[in-house]
Amino acid sequence: MKRKKILAAVLAAAVLTGICGVQIVTKRWNVNSCFAGAYPVRGVDVSHHQGEIDWKELSGQNLDFAFIKATEGSSHEDEKFQENWRLAGETDLFIGAYHFFSFDSSGADQADWYIRTVGELSGKLCPAVDVEYYGGKAADPPPRKETITQLSLCLERLEEHYGRKPIIYTTYKVYRRYIEGNFEDYPLWIRNVYYPPQLDLAGKWRFWQYRDTAVLDGYKGEEKYIDLNVFSGTREELEEYRIDSSGEQEAQIPGTV
């Protein structure tokens, strides 16, 4: 009997290894599920692409937080932001509003647009700024020096207003070109839907977007998929990213993992 149990365990491990190995080779997102499970604090990020969202239903699917797209550039507001912001605020989720950074607009103007659109963030997560290539920017990356300058203006203006360092969401390519060595003291939200964050980012990232093809209940829009994320700490640590009623820090930015 003991030998049978050992054999069964070995076979199970081999099957799991084989599945994960195939997923790694084929670059399917599923491999991340083998690692994301180590981080129990989970969340989503949404925009108008998810259409009408039943936040009560969505939030009941083992989620702890949600980031909602608010603004883009210096003049665009996500068409579903106000509705999502109001309804998500009626759930038990930690919620935050994110800004999609434009390489073609003044960083200060973008921050001011976010502030005017989102307003006060009492009890909400600190702002997040999504910095990624769009359009043809990946093939023809914007100038490094000017981008760093404008991003600095955006982040500093948001921090000045809200009293917290914004979270930076980014991809590896953008991280290497603009973020690394320049914004190391900002909380990092890294995107990698194929593999876990690379070893040189261990101890740096706080949020990880590990899947962009999840399907959950509770939304109906042009996009059938939804992004899944994990937080590297506990719910108590996540709460330290909330902004208090005075707009000042409840605590210093928590230590990284």
Foldseek 3Di string as FASTA:
>chain_A
DVVVVVVVVVVVVVVVVVVLVVLLVVLALVNCVVPLVVFQAKEFEDACQLPAFPLVQQCVPSHAAYEYEAEEAQDGGGPCVVVCVVNNVVDNHQYEYEYEYDPPHALLSSLVSCCVRVPAFAQHFQYEYEYEDDDCCVVPPDDQVSSLVRVVNNQVNSCVQLAAGHEYEYEPVCCVRHPPPRPQVHAYEYEDSRDPDDPVCAQRHFKYFHHFADAGPGTDRNDRTIIMMGGPDDSVLSSQRGGHPVSHGPDHNDGTD
